[in-house]
Every structure is written in C-alpha cells, then in structure tokens.
Amino acid sequence: MTNNNNTGRNRTLIPEARQGLNRFKAEVASELGMSNYEEMDKGNLPSRQNGYVGGTMVKKMVESYEQGLK
C-alpha cells in the first residue's frame, strides 16, 4: 500500500529551508562534476549518482555540525 500524504523521507521539516537545500544540492553536484544537475532529469540518473549527491550533502552537514561543537 502506498502512502502519499507527504510523511515520507523527502519531506522538508522547515519549508522555508527548501530553497537553501536546493542550492546546496546544486553546489555539491557541481563539485562532483554534475554541473547541470538542476536541469537534469533525476529519474534518468542512476541511483548511485543521485545517492552520491545526497550522501555527500549529509557528510558535509555532519562535518559542519562537528566543527560547530568545537
């Protein structure tokens, strides 16, 4: 059974942050050599590439948080 009430993992907890997250995603993708990531059809990309962008974003966010703890 599919649940389409926007309670999944892709829900932005703070809607005002969506624009910043999209900029961050484009920045990370560009660093990984995907300069036109915003215009790409993500459905045609291998999950490995999409996952690499998301994984790198999380890695950078964790590193940033850890730096703030010092």
N, C-alpha and C. Protein backbone atom coordinates (compact mmCIF):
# COMPACT_ATOMS: atom_id res chain seq x y z
N MET A 1 0.84 -1.18 0.00
CA MET A 1 0.00 0.00 0.00
C MET A 1 0.89 1.24 0.00
N THR A 2 0.59 2.19 -0.85
CA THR A 2 1.36 3.41 -0.95
C THR A 2 0.76 4.51 -0.10
N ASN A 3 1.61 5.21 0.63
CA ASN A 3 1.16 6.31 1.47
C ASN A 3 1.62 7.61 0.83
N ASN A 4 0.71 8.40 0.30
CA ASN A 4 1.05 9.63 -0.41
C ASN A 4 0.72 10.90 0.37
N ASN A 5 0.71 10.85 1.67
CA ASN A 5 0.34 12.03 2.45
C ASN A 5 1.55 12.85 2.90
N ASN A 6 2.65 12.74 2.16
CA ASN A 6 3.85 13.56 2.39
C ASN A 6 4.47 13.35 3.77
N THR A 7 4.42 12.13 4.27
CA THR A 7 5.08 11.83 5.54
C THR A 7 6.35 11.02 5.31
N GLY A 8 6.78 10.90 4.06
CA GLY A 8 7.96 10.12 3.72
C GLY A 8 9.26 10.81 4.06
N ARG A 9 10.34 10.22 3.63
CA ARG A 9 11.67 10.71 3.95
C ARG A 9 12.00 12.00 3.23
N ASN A 10 11.35 12.33 2.12
CA ASN A 10 11.69 13.51 1.35
C ASN A 10 10.96 14.77 1.80
N ARG A 11 10.30 14.71 2.91
CA ARG A 11 9.57 15.87 3.41
C ARG A 11 10.54 16.84 4.07
N THR A 12 10.46 18.10 3.70
CA THR A 12 11.29 19.13 4.32
C THR A 12 10.62 19.57 5.62
N LEU A 13 11.31 19.43 6.73
CA LEU A 13 10.72 19.76 8.02
C LEU A 13 10.49 21.26 8.16
N ILE A 14 11.36 22.06 7.58
CA ILE A 14 11.20 23.51 7.61
C ILE A 14 11.06 23.97 6.17
N PRO A 15 9.82 24.20 5.70
CA PRO A 15 9.59 24.53 4.29
C PRO A 15 10.41 25.71 3.80
N GLU A 16 10.71 26.66 4.67
CA GLU A 16 11.49 27.82 4.28
C GLU A 16 12.93 27.45 3.91
N ALA A 17 13.37 26.27 4.32
CA ALA A 17 14.73 25.83 4.05
C ALA A 17 14.89 25.17 2.68
N ARG A 18 13.80 24.89 2.00
CA ARG A 18 13.86 24.15 0.73
C ARG A 18 14.77 24.84 -0.28
N GLN A 19 14.66 26.15 -0.45
CA GLN A 19 15.47 26.86 -1.43
C GLN A 19 16.97 26.73 -1.11
N GLY A 20 17.31 26.86 0.14
CA GLY A 20 18.71 26.71 0.55
C GLY A 20 19.22 25.29 0.33
N LEU A 21 18.39 24.31 0.62
CA LEU A 21 18.77 22.92 0.39
C LEU A 21 18.98 22.65 -1.10
N ASN A 22 18.13 23.22 -1.94
CA ASN A 22 18.28 23.04 -3.38
C ASN A 22 19.57 23.68 -3.88
N ARG A 23 19.93 24.85 -3.35
CA ARG A 23 21.19 25.50 -3.73
C ARG A 23 22.38 24.64 -3.28
N PHE A 24 22.28 24.13 -2.06
CA PHE A 24 23.34 23.27 -1.51
C PHE A 24 23.50 22.02 -2.36
N LYS A 25 22.38 21.43 -2.75
CA LYS A 25 22.40 20.23 -3.59
C LYS A 25 23.08 20.51 -4.92
N ALA A 26 22.76 21.65 -5.55
CA ALA A 26 23.38 22.03 -6.83
C ALA A 26 24.88 22.26 -6.65
N GLU A 27 25.26 22.88 -5.53
CA GLU A 27 26.67 23.15 -5.25
C GLU A 27 27.45 21.84 -5.11
N VAL A 28 26.90 20.90 -4.34
CA VAL A 28 27.55 19.61 -4.14
C VAL A 28 27.64 18.85 -5.46
N ALA A 29 26.56 18.84 -6.22
CA ALA A 29 26.57 18.14 -7.50
C ALA A 29 27.62 18.73 -8.43
N SER A 30 27.75 20.04 -8.42
CA SER A 30 28.75 20.71 -9.25
C SER A 30 30.16 20.28 -8.83
N GLU A 31 30.40 20.20 -7.53
CA GLU A 31 31.69 19.75 -7.02
C GLU A 31 31.99 18.32 -7.46
N LEU A 32 30.93 17.54 -7.66
CA LEU A 32 31.09 16.14 -8.07
C LEU A 32 31.11 15.97 -9.59
N GLY A 33 31.11 17.09 -10.31
CA GLY A 33 31.21 17.04 -11.76
C GLY A 33 29.89 17.02 -12.51
N MET A 34 28.79 17.27 -11.82
CA MET A 34 27.47 17.31 -12.45
C MET A 34 27.01 18.76 -12.48
N SER A 35 27.61 19.56 -13.36
CA SER A 35 27.38 21.00 -13.35
C SER A 35 25.96 21.40 -13.70
N ASN A 36 25.23 20.62 -14.46
CA ASN A 36 23.86 20.98 -14.82
C ASN A 36 22.84 20.12 -14.07
N TYR A 37 23.13 19.81 -12.83
CA TYR A 37 22.29 18.91 -12.03
C TYR A 37 20.86 19.43 -11.87
N GLU A 38 20.70 20.75 -11.74
CA GLU A 38 19.37 21.32 -11.54
C GLU A 38 18.46 21.05 -12.73
N GLU A 39 19.03 21.03 -13.95
CA GLU A 39 18.23 20.82 -15.15
C GLU A 39 18.11 19.35 -15.53
N MET A 40 18.90 18.48 -14.91
CA MET A 40 18.87 17.05 -15.24
C MET A 40 17.56 16.42 -14.83
N ASP A 41 17.14 15.42 -15.60
CA ASP A 41 16.00 14.59 -15.21
C ASP A 41 16.53 13.54 -14.25
N LYS A 42 16.30 13.75 -12.96
CA LYS A 42 16.86 12.87 -11.94
C LYS A 42 16.37 11.43 -12.08
N GLY A 43 15.21 11.25 -12.71
CA GLY A 43 14.68 9.90 -12.93
C GLY A 43 15.51 9.11 -13.91
N ASN A 44 16.29 9.79 -14.75
CA ASN A 44 17.15 9.11 -15.71
C ASN A 44 18.57 8.89 -15.21
N LEU A 45 18.88 9.43 -14.05
CA LEU A 45 20.21 9.22 -13.47
C LEU A 45 20.23 7.90 -12.70
N PRO A 46 21.35 7.23 -12.72
CA PRO A 46 21.46 6.02 -11.90
C PRO A 46 21.33 6.39 -10.42
N SER A 47 20.75 5.49 -9.66
CA SER A 47 20.57 5.76 -8.23
C SER A 47 21.91 5.99 -7.54
N ARG A 48 22.96 5.40 -8.07
CA ARG A 48 24.29 5.59 -7.48
C ARG A 48 24.69 7.07 -7.55
N GLN A 49 24.42 7.74 -8.68
CA GLN A 49 24.77 9.16 -8.81
C GLN A 49 23.91 10.02 -7.90
N ASN A 50 22.60 9.79 -7.91
CA ASN A 50 21.71 10.55 -7.03
C ASN A 50 22.07 10.34 -5.57
N GLY A 51 22.37 9.10 -5.21
CA GLY A 51 22.74 8.78 -3.84
C GLY A 51 24.05 9.40 -3.43
N TYR A 52 24.97 9.52 -4.39
CA TYR A 52 26.27 10.11 -4.10
C TYR A 52 26.11 11.60 -3.76
N VAL A 53 25.23 12.27 -4.48
CA VAL A 53 24.97 13.69 -4.19
C VAL A 53 24.38 13.81 -2.78
N GLY A 54 23.35 13.04 -2.50
CA GLY A 54 22.71 13.11 -1.18
C GLY A 54 23.65 12.70 -0.05
N GLY A 55 24.43 11.66 -0.28
CA GLY A 55 25.38 11.20 0.74
C GLY A 55 26.46 12.23 1.02
N THR A 56 26.92 12.89 -0.04
CA THR A 56 27.93 13.93 0.14
C THR A 56 27.34 15.12 0.88
N MET A 57 26.08 15.44 0.61
CA MET A 57 25.41 16.53 1.34
C MET A 57 25.39 16.22 2.83
N VAL A 58 24.99 15.00 3.17
CA VAL A 58 24.90 14.61 4.58
C VAL A 58 26.28 14.65 5.22
N LYS A 59 27.29 14.16 4.51
CA LYS A 59 28.65 14.18 5.04
C LYS A 59 29.08 15.60 5.36
N LYS A 60 28.81 16.54 4.44
CA LYS A 60 29.19 17.94 4.66
C LYS A 60 28.40 18.55 5.82
N MET A 61 27.12 18.21 5.95
CA MET A 61 26.32 18.74 7.05
C MET A 61 26.83 18.22 8.39
N VAL A 62 27.20 16.94 8.45
CA VAL A 62 27.74 16.37 9.69
C VAL A 62 29.06 17.04 10.04
N GLU A 63 29.94 17.21 9.02
CA GLU A 63 31.22 17.87 9.26
C GLU A 63 31.01 19.30 9.79
N SER A 64 30.05 20.01 9.22
CA SER A 64 29.77 21.37 9.65
C SER A 64 29.28 21.38 11.10
N TYR A 65 28.41 20.45 11.44
CA TYR A 65 27.90 20.36 12.80
C TYR A 65 29.02 20.04 13.78
N GLU A 66 29.89 19.10 13.40
CA GLU A 66 31.00 18.74 14.27
C GLU A 66 31.94 19.92 14.50
N GLN A 67 32.16 20.72 13.46
CA GLN A 67 33.00 21.90 13.61
C GLN A 67 32.37 22.89 14.60
N GLY A 68 31.05 22.97 14.57
CA GLY A 68 30.35 23.87 15.50
C GLY A 68 30.44 23.42 16.95
N LEU A 69 30.69 22.14 17.17
CA LEU A 69 30.81 21.62 18.52
C LEU A 69 32.16 21.94 19.15
N LYS A 70 33.14 22.24 18.33
CA LYS A 70 34.50 22.50 18.86
C LYS A 70 34.59 23.84 19.52
